[in-house]
C-alpha atoms as a PDB file:
ATOM      1  CA  UNK A   1       0.000   0.000   0.000  1.00  0.00           C
ATOM      2  CA  UNK A   2       1.604   3.252  -1.173  1.00  0.00           C
ATOM      3  CA  UNK A   3       1.119   6.065   1.347  1.00  0.00           C
ATOM      4  CA  UNK A   4       2.203   9.024  -0.819  1.00  0.00           C
ATOM      5  CA  UNK A   5      -0.044   8.736  -3.843  1.00  0.00           C
ATOM      6  CA  UNK A   6      -0.478  11.669  -6.195  1.00  0.00           C
ATOM      7  CA  UNK A   7      -4.109  12.006  -5.142  1.00  0.00           C
ATOM      8  CA  UNK A   8      -3.227  12.061  -1.444  1.00  0.00           C
ATOM      9  CA  UNK A   9      -0.455  14.624  -1.948  1.00  0.00           C
ATOM     10  CA  UNK A  10      -2.767  16.891  -3.970  1.00  0.00           C
ATOM     11  CA  UNK A  11      -5.567  16.518  -1.406  1.00  0.00           C
ATOM     12  CA  UNK A  12      -3.200  17.429   1.454  1.00  0.00           C
ATOM     13  CA  UNK A  13      -1.642  20.335  -0.460  1.00  0.00           C
ATOM     14  CA  UNK A  14      -5.101  21.610  -1.413  1.00  0.00           C
ATOM     15  CA  UNK A  15      -6.190  21.415   2.212  1.00  0.00           C
ATOM     16  CA  UNK A  16      -3.108  23.405   3.278  1.00  0.00           C
ATOM     17  CA  UNK A  17      -3.724  26.091   0.635  1.00  0.00           C
ATOM     18  CA  UNK A  18      -7.392  26.348   1.622  1.00  0.00           C
ATOM     19  CA  UNK A  19      -6.449  26.644   5.304  1.00  0.00           C
ATOM     20  CA  UNK A  20      -3.870  29.356   4.606  1.00  0.00           C
ATOM     21  CA  UNK A  21      -5.959  31.516   2.287  1.00  0.00           C
ATOM     22  CA  UNK A  22      -9.289  30.628   3.890  1.00  0.00           C
ATOM     23  CA  UNK A  23      -7.850  31.585   7.274  1.00  0.00           C
ATOM     24  CA  UNK A  24      -6.717  34.934   5.939  1.00  0.00           C
ATOM     25  CA  UNK A  25     -10.177  35.540   4.441  1.00  0.00           C
ATOM     26  CA  UNK A  26     -11.866  34.620   7.726  1.00  0.00           C
ATOM     27  CA  UNK A  27      -9.513  36.914   9.657  1.00  0.00           C
ATOM     28  CA  UNK A  28     -10.541  39.743   7.303  1.00  0.00           C
ATOM     29  CA  UNK A  29     -14.237  38.972   7.782  1.00  0.00           C
ATOM     30  CA  UNK A  30     -14.662  37.466   4.309  1.00  0.00           C
ATOM     31  CA  UNK A  31     -16.315  34.205   3.287  1.00  0.00           C
ATOM     32  CA  UNK A  32     -14.262  33.607   0.124  1.00  0.00           C
ATOM     33  CA  UNK A  33     -10.692  34.309  -0.895  1.00  0.00           C
ATOM     34  CA  UNK A  34      -9.180  35.537  -4.120  1.00  0.00           C
ATOM     35  CA  UNK A  35      -5.727  35.062  -5.598  1.00  0.00           C
ATOM     36  CA  UNK A  36      -5.104  37.239  -8.654  1.00  0.00           C
ATOM     37  CA  UNK A  37      -1.797  36.182 -10.186  1.00  0.00           C
ATOM     38  CA  UNK A  38      -2.151  36.111 -14.002  1.00  0.00           C
ATOM     39  CA  UNK A  39       0.436  33.314 -14.170  1.00  0.00           C
ATOM     40  CA  UNK A  40      -2.158  31.012 -12.573  1.00  0.00           C
ATOM     41  CA  UNK A  41      -3.903  30.818 -15.963  1.00  0.00           C
ATOM     42  CA  UNK A  42      -1.073  28.464 -16.974  1.00  0.00           C
ATOM     43  CA  UNK A  43      -1.888  26.064 -14.125  1.00  0.00           C
ATOM     44  CA  UNK A  44      -5.687  25.804 -13.970  1.00  0.00           C
ATOM     45  CA  UNK A  45      -5.723  22.013 -14.372  1.00  0.00           C
ATOM     46  CA  UNK A  46      -3.277  21.489 -11.497  1.00  0.00           C
ATOM     47  CA  UNK A  47      -5.055  24.063  -9.337  1.00  0.00           C
ATOM     48  CA  UNK A  48      -8.360  22.264  -9.885  1.00  0.00           C
ATOM     49  CA  UNK A  49      -6.715  19.032  -8.738  1.00  0.00           C
ATOM     50  CA  UNK A  50      -5.580  20.851  -5.590  1.00  0.00           C
ATOM     51  CA  UNK A  51      -8.811  22.810  -5.074  1.00  0.00           C
ATOM     52  CA  UNK A  52     -11.703  21.014  -6.825  1.00  0.00           C
ATOM     53  CA  UNK A  53     -14.260  23.620  -5.726  1.00  0.00           C
ATOM     54  CA  UNK A  54     -12.175  26.534  -7.065  1.00  0.00           C
ATOM     55  CA  UNK A  55     -13.599  29.074  -9.466  1.00  0.00           C
ATOM     56  CA  UNK A  56     -11.488  31.016 -11.955  1.00  0.00           C
ATOM     57  CA  UNK A  57     -12.352  34.450 -13.242  1.00  0.00           C
ATOM     58  CA  UNK A  58     -10.416  35.163 -16.426  1.00  0.00           C
ATOM     59  CA  UNK A  59     -10.319  38.912 -16.987  1.00  0.00           C
ATOM     60  CA  UNK A  60      -9.320  39.741 -20.557  1.00  0.00           C
ATOM     61  CA  UNK A  61      -7.892  43.194 -21.227  1.00  0.00           C
ATOM     62  CA  UNK A  62      -6.453  44.814 -24.344  1.00  0.00           C
ATOM     63  CA  UNK A  63      -2.885  43.521 -24.401  1.00  0.00           C
ATOM     64  CA  UNK A  64      -1.491  46.889 -25.431  1.00  0.00           C
ATOM     65  CA  UNK A  65      -2.860  48.470 -22.259  1.00  0.00           C
ATOM     66  CA  UNK A  66      -1.481  45.573 -20.243  1.00  0.00           C
ATOM     67  CA  UNK A  67       1.909  46.053 -21.897  1.00  0.00           C
ATOM     68  CA  UNK A  68       2.140  49.751 -21.013  1.00  0.00           C
ATOM     69  CA  UNK A  69       0.969  49.091 -17.433  1.00  0.00           C
ATOM     70  CA  UNK A  70       3.055  46.013 -16.693  1.00  0.00           C
ATOM     71  CA  UNK A  71       6.557  47.587 -16.584  1.00  0.00           C
ATOM     72  CA  UNK A  72       5.564  49.644 -13.527  1.00  0.00           C
ATOM     73  CA  UNK A  73       4.922  46.453 -11.555  1.00  0.00           C
ATOM     74  CA  UNK A  74       7.670  45.015  -9.435  1.00  0.00           C
ATOM     75  CA  UNK A  75       9.441  42.039 -11.054  1.00  0.00           C
ATOM     76  CA  UNK A  76       7.696  42.575 -14.405  1.00  0.00           C
ATOM     77  CA  UNK A  77       9.460  42.803 -17.760  1.00  0.00           C
ATOM     78  CA  UNK A  78      10.477  46.329 -18.692  1.00  0.00           C
ATOM     79  CA  UNK A  79      10.216  45.663 -22.416  1.00  0.00           C
ATOM     80  CA  UNK A  80       6.772  46.077 -24.005  1.00  0.00           C
ATOM     81  CA  UNK A  81       7.399  43.260 -26.478  1.00  0.00           C
ATOM     82  CA  UNK A  82       8.197  40.848 -23.639  1.00  0.00           C
ATOM     83  CA  UNK A  83       5.044  42.097 -21.870  1.00  0.00           C
ATOM     84  CA  UNK A  84       3.119  41.281 -25.069  1.00  0.00           C
ATOM     85  CA  UNK A  85       4.500  37.735 -25.015  1.00  0.00           C
ATOM     86  CA  UNK A  86       3.425  37.267 -21.410  1.00  0.00           C
ATOM     87  CA  UNK A  87      -0.022  38.747 -22.073  1.00  0.00           C
ATOM     88  CA  UNK A  88      -0.560  36.504 -25.099  1.00  0.00           C
ATOM     89  CA  UNK A  89       0.545  33.407 -23.190  1.00  0.00           C
ATOM     90  CA  UNK A  90      -1.580  34.106 -20.117  1.00  0.00           C
ATOM     91  CA  UNK A  91      -4.601  35.158 -22.177  1.00  0.00           C
ATOM     92  CA  UNK A  92      -4.424  32.131 -24.452  1.00  0.00           C
ATOM     93  CA  UNK A  93      -4.025  29.797 -21.471  1.00  0.00           C
ATOM     94  CA  UNK A  94      -6.934  31.412 -19.625  1.00  0.00           C
ATOM     95  CA  UNK A  95      -9.222  31.170 -22.643  1.00  0.00           C
ATOM     96  CA  UNK A  96      -8.259  27.529 -23.114  1.00  0.00           C
ATOM     97  CA  UNK A  97      -8.980  26.809 -19.442  1.00  0.00           C
ATOM     98  CA  UNK A  98     -12.407  28.439 -19.789  1.00  0.00           C
ATOM     99  CA  UNK A  99     -13.205  26.107 -22.701  1.00  0.00           C
ATOM    100  CA  UNK A 100     -11.954  23.010 -20.847  1.00  0.00           C
ATOM    101  CA  UNK A 101     -13.615  23.851 -17.516  1.00  0.00           C
ATOM    102  CA  UNK A 102     -16.765  25.892 -18.206  1.00  0.00           C
ATOM    103  CA  UNK A 103     -18.226  25.044 -14.785  1.00  0.00           C
ATOM    104  CA  UNK A 104     -15.121  26.393 -13.049  1.00  0.00           C
ATOM    105  CA  UNK A 105     -14.065  29.297 -15.287  1.00  0.00           C
ATOM    106  CA  UNK A 106     -15.738  32.503 -16.393  1.00  0.00           C
ATOM    107  CA  UNK A 107     -14.271  35.019 -18.816  1.00  0.00           C
ATOM    108  CA  UNK A 108     -15.104  38.723 -18.641  1.00  0.00           C
ATOM    109  CA  UNK A 109     -13.699  41.823 -20.308  1.00  0.00           C
ATOM    110  CA  UNK A 110     -11.812  44.386 -18.279  1.00  0.00           C
ATOM    111  CA  UNK A 111     -13.188  47.190 -20.421  1.00  0.00           C
ATOM    112  CA  UNK A 112     -16.776  46.179 -19.628  1.00  0.00           C
ATOM    113  CA  UNK A 113     -15.910  46.055 -15.940  1.00  0.00           C
ATOM    114  CA  UNK A 114     -14.701  49.666 -16.143  1.00  0.00           C
ATOM    115  CA  UNK A 115     -17.457  51.006 -18.425  1.00  0.00           C
ATOM    116  CA  UNK A 116     -20.448  49.053 -17.084  1.00  0.00           C
ATOM    117  CA  UNK A 117     -19.500  47.510 -13.744  1.00  0.00           C
ATOM    118  CA  UNK A 118     -22.979  46.327 -12.807  1.00  0.00           C
ATOM    119  CA  UNK A 119     -23.487  44.518 -16.115  1.00  0.00           C
ATOM    120  CA  UNK A 120     -20.040  42.948 -15.800  1.00  0.00           C
ATOM    121  CA  UNK A 121     -20.377  41.969 -12.139  1.00  0.00           C
ATOM    122  CA  UNK A 122     -23.859  40.450 -12.221  1.00  0.00           C
ATOM    123  CA  UNK A 123     -22.713  37.259 -14.032  1.00  0.00           C
ATOM    124  CA  UNK A 124     -19.531  37.192 -11.932  1.00  0.00           C
ATOM    125  CA  UNK A 125     -21.534  37.241  -8.698  1.00  0.00           C
ATOM    126  CA  UNK A 126     -23.900  34.537 -10.000  1.00  0.00           C
ATOM    127  CA  UNK A 127     -20.884  32.417 -10.982  1.00  0.00           C
ATOM    128  CA  UNK A 128     -19.329  32.836  -7.535  1.00  0.00           C
ATOM    129  CA  UNK A 129     -22.598  32.450  -5.639  1.00  0.00           C
ATOM    130  CA  UNK A 130     -22.425  35.985  -4.234  1.00  0.00           C
ATOM    131  CA  UNK A 131     -24.915  38.789  -3.910  1.00  0.00           C
ATOM    132  CA  UNK A 132     -24.066  41.881  -5.929  1.00  0.00           C
ATOM    133  CA  UNK A 133     -23.421  44.642  -3.404  1.00  0.00           C
ATOM    134  CA  UNK A 134     -23.504  48.345  -4.182  1.00  0.00           C
ATOM    135  CA  UNK A 135     -19.935  48.718  -2.814  1.00  0.00           C
ATOM    136  CA  UNK A 136     -18.700  46.431  -5.594  1.00  0.00           C
ATOM    137  CA  UNK A 137     -19.708  49.074  -8.138  1.00  0.00           C
ATOM    138  CA  UNK A 138     -17.516  51.797  -6.598  1.00  0.00           C
ATOM    139  CA  UNK A 139     -14.596  51.886  -9.017  1.00  0.00           C
ATOM    140  CA  UNK A 140     -12.573  54.213  -6.803  1.00  0.00           C
ATOM    141  CA  UNK A 141     -12.514  51.614  -4.036  1.00  0.00           C
ATOM    142  CA  UNK A 142     -11.732  48.918  -6.608  1.00  0.00           C
ATOM    143  CA  UNK A 143      -8.785  51.011  -7.810  1.00  0.00           C
ATOM    144  CA  UNK A 144      -7.470  51.285  -4.281  1.00  0.00           C
ATOM    145  CA  UNK A 145      -7.789  47.589  -3.553  1.00  0.00           C
ATOM    146  CA  UNK A 146      -6.384  46.451  -6.896  1.00  0.00           C
ATOM    147  CA  UNK A 147      -3.570  48.905  -7.420  1.00  0.00           C
ATOM    148  CA  UNK A 148      -2.434  50.465  -4.149  1.00  0.00           C
ATOM    149  CA  UNK A 149      -0.313  47.490  -3.193  1.00  0.00           C
ATOM    150  CA  UNK A 150       1.743  47.939  -6.372  1.00  0.00           C
ATOM    151  CA  UNK A 151       1.660  51.665  -7.060  1.00  0.00           C
ATOM    152  CA  UNK A 152       0.718  53.319  -3.764  1.00  0.00           C
ATOM    153  CA  UNK A 153      -0.314  56.931  -4.258  1.00  0.00           C
ATOM    154  CA  UNK A 154       0.561  56.856  -7.948  1.00  0.00           C
ATOM    155  CA  UNK A 155      -2.107  54.228  -8.717  1.00  0.00           C
ATOM    156  CA  UNK A 156      -3.543  54.606 -12.208  1.00  0.00           C
ATOM    157  CA  UNK A 157      -6.974  56.057 -12.772  1.00  0.00           C
ATOM    158  CA  UNK A 158      -9.905  53.683 -12.913  1.00  0.00           C
ATOM    159  CA  UNK A 159     -10.355  54.299 -16.644  1.00  0.00           C
ATOM    160  CA  UNK A 160      -7.117  52.970 -18.160  1.00  0.00           C
ATOM    161  CA  UNK A 161      -8.748  51.993 -21.441  1.00  0.00           C
ATOM    162  CA  UNK A 162      -6.761  52.697 -24.613  1.00  0.00           C
ATOM    163  CA  UNK A 163      -3.906  54.068 -22.512  1.00  0.00           C
ATOM    164  CA  UNK A 164      -1.440  52.648 -25.024  1.00  0.00           C
ATOM    165  CA  UNK A 165      -2.603  55.270 -27.561  1.00  0.00           C
ATOM    166  CA  UNK A 166      -1.114  58.015 -25.359  1.00  0.00           C
ATOM    167  CA  UNK A 167       2.346  56.504 -25.881  1.00  0.00           C
ATOM    168  CA  UNK A 168       3.653  58.041 -29.101  1.00  0.00           C
ATOM    169  CA  UNK A 169       6.562  55.588 -29.080  1.00  0.00           C
ATOM    170  CA  UNK A 170       4.404  52.462 -28.624  1.00  0.00           C
ATOM    171  CA  UNK A 171       6.118  49.708 -30.676  1.00  0.00           C
ATOM    172  CA  UNK A 172       3.092  48.817 -32.831  1.00  0.00           C
ATOM    173  CA  UNK A 173       4.853  46.623 -35.368  1.00  0.00           C
ATOM    174  CA  UNK A 174       6.793  44.672 -32.747  1.00  0.00           C
ATOM    175  CA  UNK A 175       3.614  44.175 -30.690  1.00  0.00           C
ATOM    176  CA  UNK A 176       1.727  43.033 -33.818  1.00  0.00           C
ATOM    177  CA  UNK A 177       4.434  40.485 -34.580  1.00  0.00           C
ATOM    178  CA  UNK A 178       4.056  38.940 -31.133  1.00  0.00           C
ATOM    179  CA  UNK A 179       0.361  39.334 -30.317  1.00  0.00           C
ATOM    180  CA  UNK A 180      -1.444  41.028 -33.201  1.00  0.00           C
ATOM    181  CA  UNK A 181      -3.407  37.922 -34.179  1.00  0.00           C
ATOM    182  CA  UNK A 182      -4.727  37.556 -30.630  1.00  0.00           C
ATOM    183  CA  UNK A 183      -5.841  41.210 -30.574  1.00  0.00           C
ATOM    184  CA  UNK A 184      -7.807  40.520 -33.764  1.00  0.00           C
ATOM    185  CA  UNK A 185      -9.248  37.256 -32.407  1.00  0.00           C
ATOM    186  CA  UNK A 186     -10.433  39.055 -29.272  1.00  0.00           C
ATOM    187  CA  UNK A 187     -11.983  41.863 -31.300  1.00  0.00           C
ATOM    188  CA  UNK A 188      -9.733  44.647 -30.007  1.00  0.00           C
ATOM    189  CA  UNK A 189      -8.955  45.466 -33.641  1.00  0.00           C
ATOM    190  CA  UNK A 190     -10.920  44.706 -36.778  1.00  0.00           C
ATOM    191  CA  UNK A 191      -8.026  44.763 -39.257  1.00  0.00           C
ATOM    192  CA  UNK A 192      -4.306  43.993 -39.002  1.00  0.00           C
ATOM    193  CA  UNK A 193      -3.511  47.597 -40.052  1.00  0.00           C
ATOM    194  CA  UNK A 194      -4.114  49.250 -36.693  1.00  0.00           C
END
């Protein structure tokens, strides 16, 4: 009888993760916990083995805006083309996970969340089994909770849509070479000549 089976190891590791994060959520007066590392989109299958009740919210954002925002994060690439590669990889993996695990994954658009938060959050809350609260629609508080840990007082505004257009030196052709097809697939552009 083998004591350390894969299933047993995953069950124990999942229990430890749930205790750690669940304990933090309980200490903060919350009933659920959230972990928001984009890299997790590469590991949805393994995470579901660890945490079978987990839910994944895949937030898709225009990769060009991601690329101009990412270099200001700690430990992020400083090169926009490398940011494009990361965005394309994480976005493709997240979309694939949503197709493979439709009961565990929901995809929403960042731009809809900013422009029409109630319309964007209603399906999210249903998916997570939560009531939609008025406080969830306050984008200023969302900005603080999402960005202050990385940017502090210089957190970006809550409307960072099409920010890449304000960068006269944005490397369009290099970005297109890396992630242009994905921008088209996602409908962020209608022709390759953007």
